[in-house]
Amino acid sequence: MGVIRISTIVIRATIGAIKVSIGAIRAGIGVFKASAGAIRKNICDQGSFIIKYFHKQNLEKN
């Protein structure tokens, strides 16, 4: 009976560790998604700046 009880405790501890690992992986994915979003926003901001800049240059030429 003692061996079964210890095995049950070990299995529960292992499941707990797996849940913690999954949580860490999800957090890492969340950080990666946030970084990708920030990079996308930065690229869009730069693109809109370039478009506005050249549009302004064209208006000044005319």
N, C-alpha and C. Protein backbone atom coordinates (compact mmCIF):
# COMPACT_ATOMS: atom_id res chain seq x y z
N MET A 1 0.82 -1.19 0.00
CA MET A 1 0.00 0.00 0.00
C MET A 1 0.86 1.26 0.00
N GLY A 2 1.99 1.23 0.71
CA GLY A 2 2.86 2.39 0.79
C GLY A 2 3.46 2.76 -0.56
N VAL A 3 3.81 1.73 -1.36
CA VAL A 3 4.41 1.98 -2.68
C VAL A 3 3.39 2.64 -3.61
N ILE A 4 2.15 2.18 -3.54
CA ILE A 4 1.10 2.76 -4.38
C ILE A 4 0.87 4.22 -3.99
N ARG A 5 0.88 4.49 -2.71
CA ARG A 5 0.68 5.87 -2.23
C ARG A 5 1.81 6.79 -2.70
N ILE A 6 3.04 6.29 -2.59
CA ILE A 6 4.19 7.08 -3.04
C ILE A 6 4.12 7.31 -4.55
N SER A 7 3.74 6.26 -5.30
CA SER A 7 3.61 6.40 -6.76
C SER A 7 2.56 7.44 -7.11
N THR A 8 1.45 7.44 -6.40
CA THR A 8 0.39 8.42 -6.63
C THR A 8 0.89 9.83 -6.38
N ILE A 9 1.65 10.01 -5.31
CA ILE A 9 2.21 11.33 -4.99
C ILE A 9 3.18 11.77 -6.08
N VAL A 10 4.02 10.85 -6.54
CA VAL A 10 4.99 11.17 -7.59
C VAL A 10 4.26 11.54 -8.88
N ILE A 11 3.22 10.80 -9.22
CA ILE A 11 2.45 11.09 -10.43
C ILE A 11 1.80 12.47 -10.32
N ARG A 12 1.23 12.79 -9.18
CA ARG A 12 0.61 14.11 -8.99
C ARG A 12 1.65 15.22 -9.10
N ALA A 13 2.82 14.99 -8.52
CA ALA A 13 3.89 15.99 -8.60
C ALA A 13 4.33 16.18 -10.05
N THR A 14 4.42 15.08 -10.78
CA THR A 14 4.81 15.15 -12.19
C THR A 14 3.77 15.93 -13.00
N ILE A 15 2.49 15.65 -12.76
CA ILE A 15 1.42 16.37 -13.45
C ILE A 15 1.49 17.85 -13.11
N GLY A 16 1.75 18.18 -11.85
CA GLY A 16 1.90 19.58 -11.44
C GLY A 16 3.05 20.25 -12.17
N ALA A 17 4.17 19.54 -12.30
CA ALA A 17 5.33 20.10 -13.00
C ALA A 17 5.02 20.30 -14.48
N ILE A 18 4.29 19.37 -15.06
CA ILE A 18 3.91 19.51 -16.48
C ILE A 18 3.01 20.72 -16.66
N LYS A 19 2.07 20.93 -15.75
CA LYS A 19 1.17 22.10 -15.83
C LYS A 19 1.96 23.40 -15.73
N VAL A 20 2.95 23.42 -14.84
CA VAL A 20 3.80 24.61 -14.71
C VAL A 20 4.58 24.84 -16.00
N SER A 21 5.10 23.76 -16.58
CA SER A 21 5.85 23.88 -17.84
C SER A 21 4.96 24.40 -18.96
N ILE A 22 3.74 23.88 -19.03
CA ILE A 22 2.80 24.34 -20.06
C ILE A 22 2.50 25.82 -19.86
N GLY A 23 2.34 26.23 -18.61
CA GLY A 23 2.10 27.65 -18.31
C GLY A 23 3.26 28.52 -18.76
N ALA A 24 4.48 28.03 -18.53
CA ALA A 24 5.67 28.79 -18.95
C ALA A 24 5.75 28.87 -20.47
N ILE A 25 5.41 27.78 -21.14
CA ILE A 25 5.42 27.78 -22.61
C ILE A 25 4.39 28.77 -23.13
N ARG A 26 3.19 28.75 -22.54
CA ARG A 26 2.14 29.69 -22.97
C ARG A 26 2.57 31.14 -22.75
N ALA A 27 3.22 31.38 -21.61
CA ALA A 27 3.71 32.74 -21.34
C ALA A 27 4.75 33.15 -22.37
N GLY A 28 5.63 32.23 -22.72
CA GLY A 28 6.65 32.50 -23.74
C GLY A 28 6.03 32.80 -25.09
N ILE A 29 5.00 32.03 -25.44
CA ILE A 29 4.29 32.28 -26.70
C ILE A 29 3.63 33.65 -26.67
N GLY A 30 3.06 34.02 -25.52
CA GLY A 30 2.43 35.33 -25.38
C GLY A 30 3.43 36.46 -25.57
N VAL A 31 4.62 36.30 -25.00
CA VAL A 31 5.68 37.31 -25.16
C VAL A 31 6.09 37.40 -26.63
N PHE A 32 6.22 36.25 -27.27
CA PHE A 32 6.61 36.22 -28.69
C PHE A 32 5.56 36.92 -29.55
N LYS A 33 4.28 36.65 -29.26
CA LYS A 33 3.20 37.31 -30.02
C LYS A 33 3.21 38.82 -29.80
N ALA A 34 3.47 39.23 -28.56
CA ALA A 34 3.53 40.67 -28.26
C ALA A 34 4.68 41.32 -29.02
N SER A 35 5.83 40.63 -29.07
CA SER A 35 6.98 41.17 -29.80
C SER A 35 6.68 41.27 -31.29
N ALA A 36 6.04 40.24 -31.83
CA ALA A 36 5.69 40.26 -33.25
C ALA A 36 4.72 41.40 -33.54
N GLY A 37 3.77 41.62 -32.63
CA GLY A 37 2.82 42.72 -32.79
C GLY A 37 3.51 44.07 -32.76
N ALA A 38 4.47 44.21 -31.85
CA ALA A 38 5.21 45.48 -31.76
C ALA A 38 6.04 45.71 -33.02
N ILE A 39 6.65 44.65 -33.52
CA ILE A 39 7.45 44.77 -34.75
C ILE A 39 6.55 45.17 -35.92
N ARG A 40 5.37 44.51 -36.02
CA ARG A 40 4.43 44.84 -37.09
C ARG A 40 3.99 46.29 -37.01
N LYS A 41 3.69 46.75 -35.80
CA LYS A 41 3.25 48.13 -35.61
C LYS A 41 4.36 49.10 -36.01
N ASN A 42 5.59 48.78 -35.63
CA ASN A 42 6.74 49.62 -35.98
C ASN A 42 6.90 49.72 -37.49
N ILE A 43 6.77 48.59 -38.17
CA ILE A 43 6.90 48.59 -39.63
C ILE A 43 5.78 49.43 -40.26
N CYS A 44 4.56 49.27 -39.75
CA CYS A 44 3.43 50.05 -40.28
C CYS A 44 3.63 51.54 -40.03
N ASP A 45 4.12 51.89 -38.83
CA ASP A 45 4.37 53.30 -38.51
C ASP A 45 5.42 53.88 -39.45
N GLN A 46 6.48 53.12 -39.70
CA GLN A 46 7.53 53.59 -40.61
C GLN A 46 6.98 53.74 -42.02
N GLY A 47 6.17 52.77 -42.43
CA GLY A 47 5.58 52.83 -43.77
C GLY A 47 4.69 54.04 -43.93
N SER A 48 3.87 54.32 -42.92
CA SER A 48 2.98 55.48 -43.03
C SER A 48 3.78 56.78 -43.00
N PHE A 49 4.88 56.81 -42.24
CA PHE A 49 5.74 57.99 -42.22
C PHE A 49 6.34 58.24 -43.61
N ILE A 50 6.83 57.18 -44.21
CA ILE A 50 7.44 57.30 -45.55
C ILE A 50 6.41 57.81 -46.55
N ILE A 51 5.20 57.24 -46.50
CA ILE A 51 4.14 57.67 -47.43
C ILE A 51 3.80 59.14 -47.21
N LYS A 52 3.65 59.55 -45.96
CA LYS A 52 3.33 60.95 -45.65
C LYS A 52 4.46 61.87 -46.08
N TYR A 53 5.70 61.44 -45.85
CA TYR A 53 6.86 62.26 -46.21
C TYR A 53 6.89 62.51 -47.72
N PHE A 54 6.77 61.44 -48.51
CA PHE A 54 6.84 61.60 -49.96
C PHE A 54 5.62 62.33 -50.50
N HIS A 55 4.47 62.14 -49.87
CA HIS A 55 3.28 62.88 -50.28
C HIS A 55 3.49 64.38 -50.05
N LYS A 56 4.08 64.70 -48.90
CA LYS A 56 4.37 66.11 -48.59
C LYS A 56 5.38 66.68 -49.59
N GLN A 57 6.40 65.89 -49.93
CA GLN A 57 7.41 66.34 -50.90
C GLN A 57 6.76 66.61 -52.26
N ASN A 58 5.85 65.74 -52.66
CA ASN A 58 5.17 65.92 -53.94
C ASN A 58 4.29 67.17 -53.92
N LEU A 59 3.64 67.44 -52.80
CA LEU A 59 2.80 68.63 -52.70
C LEU A 59 3.64 69.90 -52.77
N GLU A 60 4.83 69.87 -52.15
CA GLU A 60 5.70 71.04 -52.14
C GLU A 60 6.28 71.31 -53.53
N LYS A 61 6.46 70.27 -54.34
CA LYS A 61 7.00 70.44 -55.69
C LYS A 61 5.97 71.12 -56.59
N ASN A 62 4.70 70.83 -56.36
CA ASN A 62 3.65 71.38 -57.24
C ASN A 62 3.30 72.73 -56.80
